[in-house]
Amino acid sequence: MISDIVWTSGASEDYLKADPALASPEMIGATLELLRLFPEMGSGVGASVRIRRALIGRQRAFGRYYSVLGARLAVVALLDLRQDPVALERLLKTRGIKT
């Protein structure tokens, strides 16, 4: 079980920009609690063995990208997935995530 959840500065900025109609703070919080209990529930991202993605919201329009580091969960991105996949990939690479 995860005892500590940390957000990178990039993920915090993503959170502040998130459209509450698609990913409300309640939905984001509920997903965090699920990840606290089941940290491996997210799917692996591309070639990365450490980064996982959990979908958020009824429409699954947002993805939380995170890594499990022992008893700590590090949120590295919270992205609107309704973008060009190439643009998403480029953004993830700027945060050190290989896809």
Foldseek 3Di string as FASTA:
>chain_A
DADEEAEDPAAVVQVVVDDCVFANPVQVVVVVVVCLVVVVPFDDDDPDPFWGWDFTGPVSQWIFIWGDDPNYIYTYHIDGNPDDPVVVQVVVVVSVDHD
